[in-house]
N, C-alpha and C. Protein backbone atom coordinates (compact mmCIF):
# COMPACT_ATOMS: atom_id res chain seq x y z
N MET A 1 119.94 83.29 102.22
CA MET A 1 119.98 84.41 103.13
C MET A 1 121.22 85.25 102.79
N ILE A 2 121.05 86.52 102.78
CA ILE A 2 122.14 87.45 102.47
C ILE A 2 122.93 87.75 103.73
N ASP A 3 124.25 87.71 103.64
CA ASP A 3 125.13 88.07 104.76
C ASP A 3 125.22 89.60 104.81
N ILE A 4 124.38 90.22 105.63
CA ILE A 4 124.32 91.68 105.67
C ILE A 4 125.47 92.31 106.44
N GLU A 5 126.20 91.53 107.21
CA GLU A 5 127.33 92.10 107.96
C GLU A 5 128.42 92.61 107.04
N LYS A 6 128.53 92.05 105.84
CA LYS A 6 129.58 92.51 104.93
C LYS A 6 129.29 93.92 104.40
N TYR A 7 128.11 94.47 104.69
CA TYR A 7 127.76 95.82 104.25
C TYR A 7 127.87 96.85 105.37
N ASP A 8 128.32 96.44 106.55
CA ASP A 8 128.50 97.39 107.64
C ASP A 8 129.54 98.43 107.24
N GLY A 9 129.31 99.67 107.62
CA GLY A 9 130.26 100.73 107.35
C GLY A 9 130.12 101.37 105.98
N LEU A 10 128.92 101.43 105.45
CA LEU A 10 128.72 102.09 104.16
C LEU A 10 129.21 103.53 104.21
N THR A 11 129.79 103.99 103.13
CA THR A 11 130.25 105.36 103.03
C THR A 11 129.09 106.31 103.27
N ASN A 12 129.30 107.28 104.15
CA ASN A 12 128.29 108.30 104.48
C ASN A 12 126.99 107.66 104.94
N ASN A 13 127.08 106.53 105.62
CA ASN A 13 125.91 105.79 106.12
C ASN A 13 124.90 105.48 105.02
N GLY A 14 125.39 105.38 103.80
CA GLY A 14 124.51 105.02 102.68
C GLY A 14 123.61 106.14 102.20
N LYS A 15 123.90 107.36 102.56
CA LYS A 15 123.10 108.50 102.08
C LYS A 15 123.66 108.92 100.73
N TRP A 16 123.24 108.20 99.69
CA TRP A 16 123.75 108.40 98.35
C TRP A 16 122.67 108.96 97.45
N ARG A 17 123.07 109.55 96.33
CA ARG A 17 122.11 110.00 95.33
C ARG A 17 122.75 109.99 93.96
N THR A 18 121.91 110.08 92.94
CA THR A 18 122.42 110.15 91.57
C THR A 18 122.65 111.61 91.21
N THR A 19 123.40 111.81 90.13
CA THR A 19 123.69 113.18 89.69
C THR A 19 122.92 113.52 88.43
N ASP A 20 122.77 114.80 88.18
CA ASP A 20 122.15 115.28 86.95
C ASP A 20 123.18 115.45 85.84
N SER A 21 124.43 115.67 86.22
CA SER A 21 125.43 116.05 85.24
C SER A 21 126.17 114.89 84.58
N ASP A 22 126.30 113.78 85.27
CA ASP A 22 126.98 112.63 84.67
C ASP A 22 126.39 111.34 85.24
N ASP A 23 126.96 110.24 84.82
CA ASP A 23 126.44 108.93 85.25
C ASP A 23 127.14 108.46 86.51
N SER A 24 126.88 109.13 87.63
CA SER A 24 127.53 108.72 88.86
C SER A 24 126.56 108.74 90.03
N VAL A 25 126.94 107.97 91.04
CA VAL A 25 126.24 107.95 92.31
C VAL A 25 127.18 108.63 93.30
N ILE A 26 126.67 109.61 94.02
CA ILE A 26 127.54 110.45 94.86
C ILE A 26 127.02 110.54 96.29
N TYR A 27 127.83 111.11 97.15
CA TYR A 27 127.44 111.41 98.54
C TYR A 27 128.12 112.71 98.95
N TRP A 28 127.57 113.35 99.96
CA TRP A 28 128.16 114.58 100.48
C TRP A 28 129.27 114.23 101.45
N ASP A 29 130.49 114.67 101.16
CA ASP A 29 131.65 114.46 102.03
C ASP A 29 131.83 115.71 102.86
N ALA A 30 131.31 115.70 104.08
CA ALA A 30 131.34 116.89 104.94
C ALA A 30 132.77 117.28 105.31
N GLU A 31 133.66 116.30 105.45
CA GLU A 31 135.04 116.60 105.79
C GLU A 31 135.72 117.45 104.71
N ARG A 32 135.42 117.14 103.48
CA ARG A 32 136.01 117.87 102.35
C ARG A 32 135.11 118.99 101.84
N ASP A 33 133.86 119.02 102.34
CA ASP A 33 132.89 120.04 101.94
C ASP A 33 132.60 120.01 100.43
N TRP A 34 132.40 118.80 99.92
CA TRP A 34 132.06 118.64 98.51
C TRP A 34 131.45 117.26 98.28
N TYR A 35 130.90 117.03 97.09
CA TYR A 35 130.34 115.73 96.75
C TYR A 35 131.44 114.82 96.23
N ALA A 36 131.42 113.58 96.68
CA ALA A 36 132.38 112.58 96.23
C ALA A 36 131.63 111.45 95.52
N THR A 37 132.31 110.77 94.64
CA THR A 37 131.70 109.73 93.82
C THR A 37 131.82 108.36 94.49
N ILE A 38 130.70 107.65 94.53
CA ILE A 38 130.67 106.25 94.98
C ILE A 38 130.89 105.33 93.78
N ALA A 39 130.19 105.62 92.68
CA ALA A 39 130.25 104.74 91.51
C ALA A 39 129.97 105.52 90.24
N LEU A 40 130.60 105.08 89.17
CA LEU A 40 130.30 105.58 87.83
C LEU A 40 129.59 104.46 87.08
N VAL A 41 128.61 104.81 86.28
CA VAL A 41 127.83 103.82 85.56
C VAL A 41 128.17 103.88 84.08
N GLN A 42 128.58 102.74 83.54
CA GLN A 42 128.85 102.63 82.11
C GLN A 42 127.57 102.21 81.42
N ARG A 43 127.11 103.02 80.49
CA ARG A 43 125.88 102.68 79.77
C ARG A 43 126.20 102.25 78.36
N ASP A 44 125.35 101.40 77.81
CA ASP A 44 125.52 100.96 76.42
C ASP A 44 125.00 102.01 75.44
N SER A 45 124.10 102.86 75.91
CA SER A 45 123.53 103.86 75.02
C SER A 45 123.09 105.06 75.85
N ASP A 46 122.61 106.07 75.18
CA ASP A 46 122.08 107.25 75.85
C ASP A 46 120.57 107.17 75.97
N TYR A 47 120.04 105.95 76.00
CA TYR A 47 118.58 105.78 76.07
C TYR A 47 118.00 106.43 77.32
N TYR A 48 118.65 106.22 78.44
CA TYR A 48 118.16 106.76 79.70
C TYR A 48 118.84 108.09 80.01
N GLY A 49 118.06 109.03 80.52
CA GLY A 49 118.66 110.21 81.12
C GLY A 49 119.26 109.80 82.45
N ASN A 50 120.09 110.62 83.03
CA ASN A 50 120.77 110.25 84.27
C ASN A 50 119.81 109.87 85.38
N GLU A 51 118.76 110.64 85.57
CA GLU A 51 117.81 110.36 86.65
C GLU A 51 116.91 109.17 86.32
N ASP A 52 116.82 108.81 85.03
CA ASP A 52 115.95 107.71 84.62
C ASP A 52 116.68 106.38 84.51
N ASN A 53 117.99 106.37 84.71
CA ASN A 53 118.78 105.17 84.54
C ASN A 53 118.49 104.20 85.70
N PRO A 54 117.90 103.04 85.41
CA PRO A 54 117.54 102.11 86.49
C PRO A 54 118.77 101.57 87.23
N ASP A 55 119.91 101.44 86.56
CA ASP A 55 121.11 100.97 87.23
C ASP A 55 121.54 101.97 88.30
N MET A 56 121.53 103.25 87.94
CA MET A 56 121.91 104.28 88.90
C MET A 56 120.93 104.36 90.06
N ARG A 57 119.64 104.25 89.75
CA ARG A 57 118.64 104.30 90.83
C ARG A 57 118.83 103.14 91.79
N LEU A 58 119.12 101.95 91.25
CA LEU A 58 119.34 100.78 92.11
C LEU A 58 120.55 101.00 93.01
N MET A 59 121.64 101.53 92.45
CA MET A 59 122.83 101.78 93.27
C MET A 59 122.55 102.82 94.35
N ALA A 60 121.87 103.89 93.99
CA ALA A 60 121.57 104.93 94.97
C ALA A 60 120.62 104.43 96.05
N ASP A 61 119.70 103.53 95.67
CA ASP A 61 118.72 103.00 96.62
C ASP A 61 119.22 101.76 97.38
N ALA A 62 120.37 101.23 97.03
CA ALA A 62 120.88 100.02 97.68
C ALA A 62 120.90 100.12 99.21
N PRO A 63 121.35 101.22 99.79
CA PRO A 63 121.32 101.31 101.25
C PRO A 63 119.90 101.26 101.82
N LEU A 64 118.94 101.84 101.11
CA LEU A 64 117.55 101.78 101.57
C LEU A 64 117.01 100.36 101.47
N LEU A 65 117.35 99.67 100.40
CA LEU A 65 116.93 98.27 100.25
C LEU A 65 117.56 97.39 101.32
N LEU A 66 118.81 97.66 101.68
CA LEU A 66 119.46 96.92 102.74
C LEU A 66 118.75 97.11 104.07
N GLU A 67 118.37 98.34 104.39
CA GLU A 67 117.65 98.61 105.63
C GLU A 67 116.29 97.91 105.64
N ALA A 68 115.60 97.92 104.50
CA ALA A 68 114.30 97.23 104.42
C ALA A 68 114.49 95.72 104.61
N TYR A 69 115.56 95.18 104.05
CA TYR A 69 115.85 93.76 104.20
C TYR A 69 116.11 93.41 105.68
N LYS A 70 116.90 94.26 106.35
CA LYS A 70 117.17 94.04 107.78
C LYS A 70 115.87 94.06 108.58
N GLU A 71 115.00 94.99 108.27
CA GLU A 71 113.72 95.09 108.98
C GLU A 71 112.87 93.84 108.74
N LEU A 72 112.85 93.36 107.51
CA LEU A 72 112.09 92.14 107.21
C LEU A 72 112.67 90.93 107.93
N GLN A 73 113.99 90.87 108.06
CA GLN A 73 114.61 89.77 108.82
C GLN A 73 114.13 89.79 110.27
N ASP A 74 114.05 90.99 110.85
CA ASP A 74 113.58 91.11 112.23
C ASP A 74 112.13 90.66 112.36
N TYR A 75 111.28 91.07 111.41
CA TYR A 75 109.88 90.66 111.44
C TYR A 75 109.76 89.14 111.27
N HIS A 76 110.56 88.59 110.37
CA HIS A 76 110.54 87.15 110.13
C HIS A 76 110.91 86.39 111.40
N ALA A 77 111.98 86.82 112.07
CA ALA A 77 112.41 86.15 113.30
C ALA A 77 111.35 86.26 114.39
N ALA A 78 110.75 87.45 114.53
CA ALA A 78 109.72 87.63 115.56
C ALA A 78 108.50 86.75 115.27
N LEU A 79 108.09 86.69 114.03
CA LEU A 79 106.94 85.86 113.66
C LEU A 79 107.24 84.38 113.87
N LEU A 80 108.43 83.96 113.50
CA LEU A 80 108.82 82.57 113.69
C LEU A 80 108.79 82.20 115.17
N HIS A 81 109.35 83.05 116.02
CA HIS A 81 109.35 82.76 117.45
C HIS A 81 107.94 82.79 118.04
N TRP A 82 107.12 83.71 117.56
CA TRP A 82 105.73 83.77 118.03
C TRP A 82 105.01 82.47 117.68
N MET A 83 105.18 82.01 116.44
CA MET A 83 104.52 80.77 116.01
C MET A 83 105.04 79.57 116.79
N MET A 84 106.35 79.52 117.02
CA MET A 84 106.91 78.40 117.78
C MET A 84 106.31 78.36 119.19
N TYR A 85 106.17 79.51 119.81
CA TYR A 85 105.65 79.58 121.17
C TYR A 85 104.17 79.21 121.21
N HIS A 86 103.37 79.83 120.33
CA HIS A 86 101.93 79.64 120.39
C HIS A 86 101.46 78.30 119.80
N LEU A 87 102.23 77.73 118.91
CA LEU A 87 101.86 76.44 118.34
C LEU A 87 102.58 75.28 119.03
N ASP A 88 103.48 75.63 119.95
CA ASP A 88 104.27 74.64 120.68
C ASP A 88 104.98 73.70 119.71
N LYS A 89 105.68 74.29 118.75
CA LYS A 89 106.41 73.52 117.74
C LYS A 89 107.83 74.06 117.68
N ASP A 90 108.77 73.22 117.20
CA ASP A 90 110.14 73.71 117.04
C ASP A 90 110.26 74.43 115.69
N GLU A 91 111.42 75.03 115.48
CA GLU A 91 111.63 75.86 114.28
C GLU A 91 111.41 75.08 112.99
N ASP A 92 111.93 73.87 112.91
CA ASP A 92 111.78 73.07 111.70
C ASP A 92 110.31 72.73 111.42
N GLU A 93 109.56 72.45 112.48
CA GLU A 93 108.13 72.12 112.30
C GLU A 93 107.37 73.34 111.79
N VAL A 94 107.67 74.49 112.33
CA VAL A 94 106.99 75.72 111.89
C VAL A 94 107.34 76.02 110.44
N LYS A 95 108.62 75.91 110.10
CA LYS A 95 109.03 76.18 108.71
C LYS A 95 108.36 75.19 107.76
N GLU A 96 108.25 73.95 108.18
CA GLU A 96 107.58 72.95 107.33
C GLU A 96 106.11 73.33 107.10
N MET A 97 105.46 73.83 108.15
CA MET A 97 104.07 74.26 108.01
C MET A 97 103.95 75.44 107.04
N ILE A 98 104.88 76.37 107.11
CA ILE A 98 104.84 77.57 106.27
C ILE A 98 105.12 77.23 104.82
N TYR A 99 106.13 76.41 104.58
CA TYR A 99 106.62 76.19 103.22
C TYR A 99 106.05 74.97 102.51
N GLU A 100 105.10 74.27 103.12
CA GLU A 100 104.56 73.09 102.42
C GLU A 100 103.52 73.47 101.42
């Protein structure tokens, strides 16, 4: 299980994007009225264009993936509790049924 609390407080609430001009992931800094850099990506070659670089896309999408993970955790907990209630089993019994 991933400890998602260590990701609280993402810069600009995780509204990040990649750039066309260089290998960076950026966000809009409203206080300064300009784009600021979250990360620079070191590439081994120029095989990928900036928008096609999978490393950059993963970094830019990380906040979205985190939100999806949080949502799945909520669904998992709700389903587990539903099964425990309707099957009259404890958590370990339900997990054993699911994972056997």
